[in-house]
Amino acid sequence: MEKSIFVYSCDIAVREFCKQYLGNNRLEFYSSYDCLCSRIQLVSPDIILLDYSLFEFIGPDAWEKVCSLAVSGTVYVLSQEDCSSFVNWFKKIGVKEIIEFPCREEFFLSVLFPGEKTCLRESESSEIISDIPELDFLVGSSLKMKHLKSLLFQVAQTDVPLLFLGESGTGKSFFAQAVHRVSGRGQKPFYSVNMGAIPDSLAETELFGTDSGAFTDAVCREGYFSAAGDGTLFLDEIGELSASLQPKLLHVLESKEYRKVGSAKISHCNTRFLFATNADLQKAMEEGRFRSDLYYRIAIIPIEIPPLRERASDIPELSHVFLEEHKKALSDKALDKLMDYSWPGNIRELKNCITRACVMTKDDIISENYISFC
């Protein structure tokens, strides 16, 4: 069963340690003492982890206040240095245990969750997935996100085409940008093109570019193949690509060559191609709407982006990111309401929901009454 866990620390190592071994729970990280206290008064977390390195910074009175606000038996201290002289005092103010950091996962979890073997087994299954510091900007500590980050980092080091699959609103374009960012092409251009938003009559000139004289009033203009250069070109909604353009794209992928519209000159293409769709391309192949040879060329490595309902433990962390720009927080009941919803619109819907709540209330803490779903 998920626990609500607050971590008060500015130390990256402490935060990453907690993300790795407590990622199946509802984690909230705080670097501000005032924000921590305000949140504890609204919510009764199951566990509070206090970083001893901040002891001198905020002083003993502040620590005593945290313990007085918390439910008895929920406060733990993480210490990377000797704090033996304060052990008795910590016990007196209500600290349950002092945990020396770093420590072994089994010991850490046995202290926080005595007798709860399920929690340990879940963490052990995720331990084999190494943290990817280069992808820390991707929000989420769930097991599915750990698997996804590991896969993204692995495929980013190659030049093979990738096909991102998933429901609308799951963030396929964002994950495509992440692959580009950590790849060897990260300093090169990244272009994103929504094929569903370009009329068929313009799609070829947009991709391939035009040569002067190609048609009446035509001027020499580079397309996305040329603009992307040695960078990355992300073609979203690839299932919307017209039947006439599909063989031409296939030729570019196989030969690494293309011609501008109206030109006889062959240009070389050294671009990394990424694709995405929320359509069933295999069904489209069966119905003759999508070429099978193109499908097998772009789907060398299909990457399934999980819907938000399958990574619900990431909702608190995602919500926190969306709330930061508004400088607001969620009440415990508001967060519970978010956790209980199925999110058919995925991350896009969550962001819209948070934004709507922030606009509609003047309070710093958003109550469940302002959480509404479209």
Protein backbone atom coordinates (compact mmCIF):
# COMPACT_ATOMS: atom_id res chain seq x y z
CA MET A 1 0.00 0.00 0.00
CA GLU A 2 1.30 3.46 -0.91
CA LYS A 3 2.51 5.69 1.91
CA SER A 4 2.57 9.48 2.01
CA ILE A 5 6.21 10.44 2.63
CA PHE A 6 7.66 13.95 3.09
CA VAL A 7 11.40 14.42 2.61
CA TYR A 8 13.03 17.58 3.97
CA SER A 9 16.44 17.85 2.33
CA CYS A 10 18.46 19.98 -0.09
CA ASP A 11 20.92 17.16 -0.75
CA ILE A 12 20.63 15.67 -4.25
CA ALA A 13 22.06 12.33 -3.05
CA VAL A 14 19.42 12.05 -0.32
CA ARG A 15 16.63 12.92 -2.74
CA GLU A 16 17.81 10.44 -5.36
CA PHE A 17 18.18 7.72 -2.71
CA CYS A 18 14.58 8.29 -1.62
CA LYS A 19 13.32 8.36 -5.21
CA GLN A 20 15.04 5.08 -5.97
CA TYR A 21 13.90 3.11 -2.93
CA LEU A 22 10.63 4.85 -2.05
CA GLY A 23 9.44 5.56 -5.59
CA ASN A 24 6.37 3.32 -5.23
CA ASN A 25 5.02 5.70 -2.59
CA ARG A 26 3.68 9.25 -2.69
CA LEU A 27 6.83 11.31 -2.25
CA GLU A 28 6.94 15.05 -1.62
CA PHE A 29 10.28 16.88 -1.36
CA TYR A 30 10.81 20.11 0.56
CA SER A 31 13.76 22.46 0.84
CA SER A 32 11.74 25.14 2.64
CA TYR A 33 11.03 24.67 6.34
CA ASP A 34 7.97 26.94 6.22
CA CYS A 35 6.46 25.03 3.29
CA LEU A 36 7.08 21.74 5.09
CA CYS A 37 5.28 22.91 8.23
CA SER A 38 2.37 24.34 6.26
CA ARG A 39 1.95 21.08 4.39
CA ILE A 40 2.13 18.95 7.57
CA GLN A 41 -0.66 21.05 9.09
CA LEU A 42 -2.87 20.26 6.10
CA VAL A 43 -1.88 16.64 5.62
CA SER A 44 -0.90 13.90 8.03
CA PRO A 45 1.92 12.11 6.18
CA ASP A 46 2.72 8.54 7.09
CA ILE A 47 6.45 9.28 7.25
CA ILE A 48 8.60 12.42 7.53
CA LEU A 49 12.32 12.17 6.74
CA LEU A 50 14.49 15.03 8.03
CA ASP A 51 18.01 15.56 6.74
CA TYR A 52 20.36 16.13 9.69
CA SER A 53 22.57 18.39 7.56
CA LEU A 54 19.86 21.07 7.89
CA PHE A 55 19.81 20.86 11.70
CA GLU A 56 22.13 23.79 12.34
CA PHE A 57 20.56 25.77 9.50
CA ILE A 58 17.06 25.93 11.00
CA GLY A 59 17.89 25.27 14.66
CA PRO A 60 16.53 22.91 17.34
CA ASP A 61 13.30 24.86 17.92
CA ALA A 62 12.31 24.34 14.31
CA TRP A 63 12.93 20.59 14.53
CA GLU A 64 10.88 20.42 17.70
CA LYS A 65 8.02 22.21 15.91
CA VAL A 66 8.07 19.69 13.05
CA CYS A 67 7.81 16.83 15.54
CA SER A 68 4.98 18.55 17.41
CA LEU A 69 3.01 18.99 14.17
CA ALA A 70 3.57 15.42 13.02
CA VAL A 71 1.68 12.34 14.12
CA SER A 72 3.62 10.44 16.77
CA GLY A 73 6.02 7.84 15.41
CA THR A 74 6.27 9.23 11.88
CA VAL A 75 9.46 11.34 12.05
CA TYR A 76 12.86 9.92 11.09
CA VAL A 77 16.27 11.58 10.80
CA LEU A 78 18.68 10.80 7.96
CA SER A 79 22.25 11.52 9.03
CA GLN A 80 25.47 11.47 7.01
CA GLU A 81 27.55 12.50 10.04
CA ASP A 82 27.90 11.71 13.71
CA CYS A 83 24.88 12.99 15.64
CA SER A 84 25.24 10.70 18.67
CA SER A 85 25.28 13.66 21.05
CA PHE A 86 21.72 14.53 19.99
CA VAL A 87 20.23 11.03 20.10
CA ASN A 88 18.53 11.45 23.47
CA TRP A 89 17.22 14.88 22.54
CA PHE A 90 15.86 13.59 19.23
CA LYS A 91 14.04 10.80 21.05
CA LYS A 92 12.65 13.31 23.53
CA ILE A 93 11.09 15.55 20.87
CA GLY A 94 9.51 12.58 19.08
CA VAL A 95 11.97 11.30 16.47
CA LYS A 96 11.34 7.58 16.03
CA GLU A 97 14.67 6.52 14.52
CA ILE A 98 17.98 7.97 13.34
CA ILE A 99 19.07 6.33 10.09
CA GLU A 100 22.71 6.55 9.05
CA PHE A 101 22.97 7.51 5.38
CA PRO A 102 23.95 6.02 3.01
CA CYS A 103 22.68 2.61 4.03
CA ARG A 104 21.57 -0.65 2.46
CA GLU A 105 18.13 -0.68 0.92
CA GLU A 106 16.97 -3.69 2.96
CA PHE A 107 17.85 -1.95 6.24
CA PHE A 108 16.34 1.37 5.16
CA LEU A 109 13.02 -0.19 4.21
CA SER A 110 12.88 -2.47 7.25
CA VAL A 111 13.17 0.58 9.52
CA LEU A 112 10.48 2.56 7.70
CA PHE A 113 8.16 -0.38 6.98
CA PRO A 114 8.68 -2.98 9.72
CA GLY A 115 6.92 -6.21 8.81
CA GLU A 116 5.77 -4.97 5.41
CA LYS A 117 7.53 -7.40 3.08
CA THR A 118 5.52 -6.28 0.05
CA CYS A 119 7.18 -2.90 0.14
CA LEU A 120 10.60 -4.49 0.16
CA ARG A 121 9.81 -6.83 -2.73
CA GLU A 122 8.56 -3.95 -4.88
CA SER A 123 11.70 -1.97 -4.23
CA GLU A 124 13.93 -4.94 -4.92
CA SER A 125 12.30 -5.38 -8.31
CA SER A 126 13.13 -1.77 -9.16
CA GLU A 127 16.69 -1.89 -7.83
CA ILE A 128 17.93 -3.55 -11.02
CA ILE A 129 16.99 -0.39 -12.93
CA SER A 130 19.85 2.05 -12.52
CA ASP A 131 19.16 5.75 -12.13
CA ILE A 132 19.75 7.83 -15.26
CA PRO A 133 21.01 11.24 -14.03
CA GLU A 134 20.95 12.60 -17.59
CA LEU A 135 17.15 12.12 -17.62
CA ASP A 136 16.38 13.59 -14.20
CA PHE A 137 14.39 16.33 -15.93
CA LEU A 138 11.76 13.70 -16.79
CA VAL A 139 9.28 13.80 -13.91
CA GLY A 140 8.27 10.51 -12.34
CA SER A 141 9.71 7.82 -10.06
CA SER A 142 7.25 5.00 -10.72
CA LEU A 143 8.50 1.62 -11.86
CA LYS A 144 7.11 2.23 -15.36
CA MET A 145 8.95 5.55 -15.57
CA LYS A 146 12.19 3.94 -14.43
CA HIS A 147 11.86 1.35 -17.17
CA LEU A 148 11.04 4.06 -19.71
CA LYS A 149 13.98 6.28 -18.72
CA SER A 150 16.35 3.33 -18.97
CA LEU A 151 15.07 2.46 -22.45
CA LEU A 152 15.15 6.07 -23.67
CA PHE A 153 18.74 6.56 -22.57
CA GLN A 154 19.78 3.31 -24.23
CA VAL A 155 18.19 4.07 -27.60
CA ALA A 156 19.32 7.71 -27.51
CA GLN A 157 22.89 6.56 -28.05
CA THR A 158 21.95 5.07 -31.45
CA ASP A 159 20.75 6.57 -34.73
CA VAL A 160 17.97 4.08 -35.50
CA PRO A 161 14.44 5.44 -36.05
CA LEU A 162 12.13 5.31 -33.04
CA LEU A 163 8.35 5.05 -33.03
CA PHE A 164 6.62 6.49 -29.94
CA LEU A 165 3.24 4.91 -29.30
CA GLY A 166 0.63 5.92 -26.77
CA GLU A 167 -2.61 7.69 -26.06
CA SER A 168 -3.11 11.38 -26.71
CA GLY A 169 -1.71 13.55 -23.93
CA THR A 170 0.90 11.09 -22.64
CA GLY A 171 3.79 13.35 -23.69
CA LYS A 172 5.17 11.55 -26.74
CA SER A 173 6.68 14.74 -28.19
CA PHE A 174 8.30 15.58 -24.84
CA PHE A 175 9.92 12.15 -24.63
CA ALA A 176 11.13 12.52 -28.21
CA GLN A 177 12.83 15.79 -27.23
CA ALA A 178 14.37 14.00 -24.25
CA VAL A 179 15.94 11.41 -26.55
CA HIS A 180 17.39 14.17 -28.72
CA ARG A 181 18.65 16.08 -25.68
CA VAL A 182 20.74 13.19 -24.30
CA SER A 183 21.89 11.88 -27.67
CA GLY A 184 25.07 12.75 -29.51
CA ARG A 185 22.99 15.19 -31.54
CA GLY A 186 21.82 17.14 -28.50
CA GLN A 187 23.55 20.35 -29.58
CA LYS A 188 22.14 20.10 -33.10
CA PRO A 189 18.69 21.31 -34.28
CA PHE A 190 15.48 19.58 -33.20
CA TYR A 191 12.37 20.05 -35.32
CA SER A 192 8.89 18.76 -34.52
CA VAL A 193 6.32 18.47 -37.31
CA ASN A 194 2.70 17.43 -36.79
CA MET A 195 1.77 15.63 -39.99
CA GLY A 196 -1.91 15.78 -39.10
CA ALA A 197 -1.80 19.59 -39.13
CA ILE A 198 -0.28 19.98 -42.61
CA PRO A 199 -2.57 19.75 -45.67
CA ASP A 200 -1.61 16.97 -48.07
CA SER A 201 -0.97 19.53 -50.80
CA LEU A 202 1.75 21.21 -48.70
CA ALA A 203 3.29 18.25 -46.88
CA GLU A 204 5.83 17.40 -49.58
CA THR A 205 7.15 20.95 -49.95
CA GLU A 206 7.29 21.34 -46.15
CA LEU A 207 9.44 18.24 -45.78
CA PHE A 208 11.52 18.26 -48.95
CA GLY A 209 11.69 21.99 -49.71
CA THR A 210 11.23 23.60 -53.13
CA ASP A 211 13.47 24.75 -55.94
CA SER A 212 12.80 27.93 -57.87
CA GLY A 213 10.68 27.16 -60.91
CA ALA A 214 9.10 24.06 -59.36
CA PHE A 215 5.70 25.65 -59.97
CA THR A 216 4.31 29.10 -60.67
CA ASP A 217 5.83 31.72 -58.35
CA ALA A 218 7.90 29.04 -56.60
CA VAL A 219 11.05 30.22 -54.83
CA CYS A 220 13.99 28.26 -53.51
CA ARG A 221 13.08 27.19 -49.98
CA GLU A 222 14.56 24.60 -47.66
CA GLY A 223 12.35 21.97 -46.09
CA TYR A 224 12.58 20.23 -42.74
CA PHE A 225 14.99 17.59 -44.08
CA SER A 226 17.49 20.34 -44.85
CA ALA A 227 16.76 22.46 -41.76
CA ALA A 228 17.23 19.54 -39.36
CA GLY A 229 20.64 18.82 -40.88
CA ASP A 230 22.69 16.67 -38.49
CA GLY A 231 20.03 17.05 -35.81
CA THR A 232 16.73 15.31 -35.16
CA LEU A 233 13.41 15.47 -37.01
CA PHE A 234 10.33 14.35 -35.09
CA LEU A 235 7.31 13.53 -37.25
CA ASP A 236 4.26 13.41 -35.01
CA GLU A 237 0.99 11.78 -36.09
CA ILE A 238 2.89 9.81 -38.74
CA GLY A 239 -0.26 7.77 -39.39
CA GLU A 240 -1.71 10.85 -41.12
CA LEU A 241 0.99 10.83 -43.81
CA SER A 242 -0.65 10.68 -47.26
CA ALA A 243 -0.40 7.54 -49.38
CA SER A 244 1.48 9.45 -52.09
CA LEU A 245 4.12 10.69 -49.65
CA GLN A 246 4.72 7.40 -47.83
CA PRO A 247 7.00 5.84 -50.50
CA LYS A 248 8.96 9.08 -50.77
CA LEU A 249 9.64 9.13 -47.04
CA LEU A 250 10.61 5.46 -47.19
CA HIS A 251 13.16 6.28 -49.90
CA VAL A 252 14.72 8.99 -47.70
CA LEU A 253 14.99 6.62 -44.75
CA GLU A 254 16.60 3.88 -46.82
CA SER A 255 18.88 5.89 -49.11
CA LYS A 256 19.57 8.94 -46.91
CA GLU A 257 18.95 11.02 -50.03
CA TYR A 258 16.19 13.32 -51.26
CA ARG A 259 15.42 15.92 -53.92
CA LYS A 260 13.71 19.25 -53.40
CA VAL A 261 10.42 19.60 -55.25
CA GLY A 262 11.28 20.74 -58.78
CA SER A 263 14.99 19.97 -58.46
CA ALA A 264 17.14 17.30 -60.11
CA LYS A 265 19.91 17.75 -57.56
CA ILE A 266 20.28 15.01 -54.96
CA SER A 267 20.82 16.15 -51.37
CA HIS A 268 22.22 14.01 -48.57
CA CYS A 269 20.16 13.51 -45.40
CA ASN A 270 22.03 12.83 -42.15
CA THR A 271 19.03 13.50 -39.91
CA ARG A 272 17.91 11.26 -37.01
CA PHE A 273 14.22 10.43 -37.44
CA LEU A 274 11.74 9.99 -34.61
CA PHE A 275 8.06 9.23 -35.14
CA ALA A 276 4.91 9.14 -33.03
CA THR A 277 1.28 8.14 -33.35
CA ASN A 278 -1.75 7.39 -31.22
CA ALA A 279 -3.31 5.45 -34.10
CA ASP A 280 -3.23 1.70 -34.68
CA LEU A 281 -0.74 1.50 -37.55
CA GLN A 282 -1.01 -2.28 -37.81
CA LYS A 283 -4.74 -1.95 -38.41
CA ALA A 284 -4.00 0.82 -40.93
CA MET A 285 -1.65 -1.59 -42.73
CA GLU A 286 -4.32 -4.28 -42.87
CA GLU A 287 -6.76 -1.77 -44.34
CA GLY A 288 -4.22 -0.58 -46.91
CA ARG A 289 -3.93 2.94 -45.49
CA PHE A 290 -0.31 2.62 -44.35
CA ARG A 291 2.51 0.89 -46.21
CA SER A 292 3.88 -2.18 -44.47
CA ASP A 293 7.44 -1.53 -45.71
CA LEU A 294 7.35 1.98 -44.22
CA TYR A 295 5.91 0.67 -40.96
CA TYR A 296 8.68 -1.89 -40.49
CA ARG A 297 11.25 0.79 -41.34
CA ILE A 298 10.05 3.26 -38.69
CA ALA A 299 9.07 0.70 -36.05
CA ILE A 300 12.50 -0.85 -35.54
CA ILE A 301 12.24 0.19 -31.89
CA PRO A 302 8.64 0.92 -30.81
CA ILE A 303 8.43 2.76 -27.49
CA GLU A 304 5.14 2.54 -25.62
CA ILE A 305 4.45 5.60 -23.45
CA PRO A 306 2.23 4.47 -20.54
CA PRO A 307 -1.02 6.32 -19.84
CA LEU A 308 -1.15 8.30 -16.61
CA ARG A 309 -3.56 5.82 -14.99
CA GLU A 310 -0.81 3.18 -15.22
CA ARG A 311 1.73 5.41 -13.46
CA ALA A 312 -0.61 7.00 -10.92
CA SER A 313 2.13 7.15 -8.26
CA ASP A 314 3.73 9.92 -10.38
CA ILE A 315 0.68 12.19 -10.02
CA PRO A 316 1.90 13.95 -6.81
CA GLU A 317 5.27 14.73 -8.39
CA LEU A 318 3.73 15.90 -11.67
CA SER A 319 1.19 18.02 -9.80
CA HIS A 320 3.94 19.63 -7.77
CA VAL A 321 5.74 20.66 -10.97
CA PHE A 322 2.57 22.19 -12.44
CA LEU A 323 1.79 23.97 -9.16
CA GLU A 324 5.24 25.54 -8.78
CA GLU A 325 4.66 28.27 -11.36
CA HIS A 326 1.49 29.30 -9.52
CA LYS A 327 3.12 29.05 -6.07
CA LYS A 328 0.26 26.96 -4.72
CA ALA A 329 -0.16 23.56 -3.10
CA LEU A 330 -2.83 20.86 -2.88
CA SER A 331 -4.76 19.83 0.18
CA ASP A 332 -4.69 16.16 1.09
CA LYS A 333 -8.27 15.65 -0.11
CA ALA A 334 -7.53 17.45 -3.38
CA LEU A 335 -4.59 15.15 -4.03
CA ASP A 336 -6.71 12.12 -3.17
CA LYS A 337 -9.27 13.29 -5.72
CA LEU A 338 -6.56 13.50 -8.38
CA MET A 339 -5.29 10.04 -7.45
CA ASP A 340 -8.77 8.49 -7.75
CA TYR A 341 -9.44 9.84 -11.25
CA SER A 342 -8.80 7.76 -14.40
CA TRP A 343 -7.25 10.58 -16.53
CA PRO A 344 -8.44 9.73 -20.06
CA GLY A 345 -6.63 12.87 -21.26
CA ASN A 346 -3.44 11.83 -19.44
CA ILE A 347 -0.76 14.38 -18.47
CA ARG A 348 -2.25 17.12 -20.65
CA GLU A 349 -5.54 16.79 -18.79
CA LEU A 350 -3.77 16.80 -15.40
CA LYS A 351 -1.93 20.01 -16.27
CA ASN A 352 -5.16 21.66 -17.44
CA CYS A 353 -6.94 20.54 -14.27
CA ILE A 354 -4.20 22.00 -12.04
CA THR A 355 -4.10 25.25 -14.02
CA ARG A 356 -7.88 25.61 -13.82
CA ALA A 357 -7.85 25.07 -10.05
CA CYS A 358 -5.05 27.61 -9.58
CA VAL A 359 -6.94 30.24 -11.57
CA MET A 360 -10.25 29.66 -9.81
CA THR A 361 -9.00 29.92 -6.22
CA LYS A 362 -7.22 32.76 -4.46
CA ASP A 363 -6.08 30.48 -1.65
CA ASP A 364 -2.51 29.21 -1.47
CA ILE A 365 -3.83 25.73 -0.70
CA ILE A 366 -6.20 24.25 -3.27
CA SER A 367 -9.12 22.35 -1.74
CA GLU A 368 -10.87 19.42 -3.38
CA ASN A 369 -13.79 21.71 -4.28
CA TYR A 370 -11.66 23.35 -6.97
CA ILE A 371 -10.63 20.07 -8.57
CA SER A 372 -12.93 19.50 -11.54
CA PHE A 373 -12.72 17.26 -14.58
CA CYS A 374 -13.92 18.06 -18.10
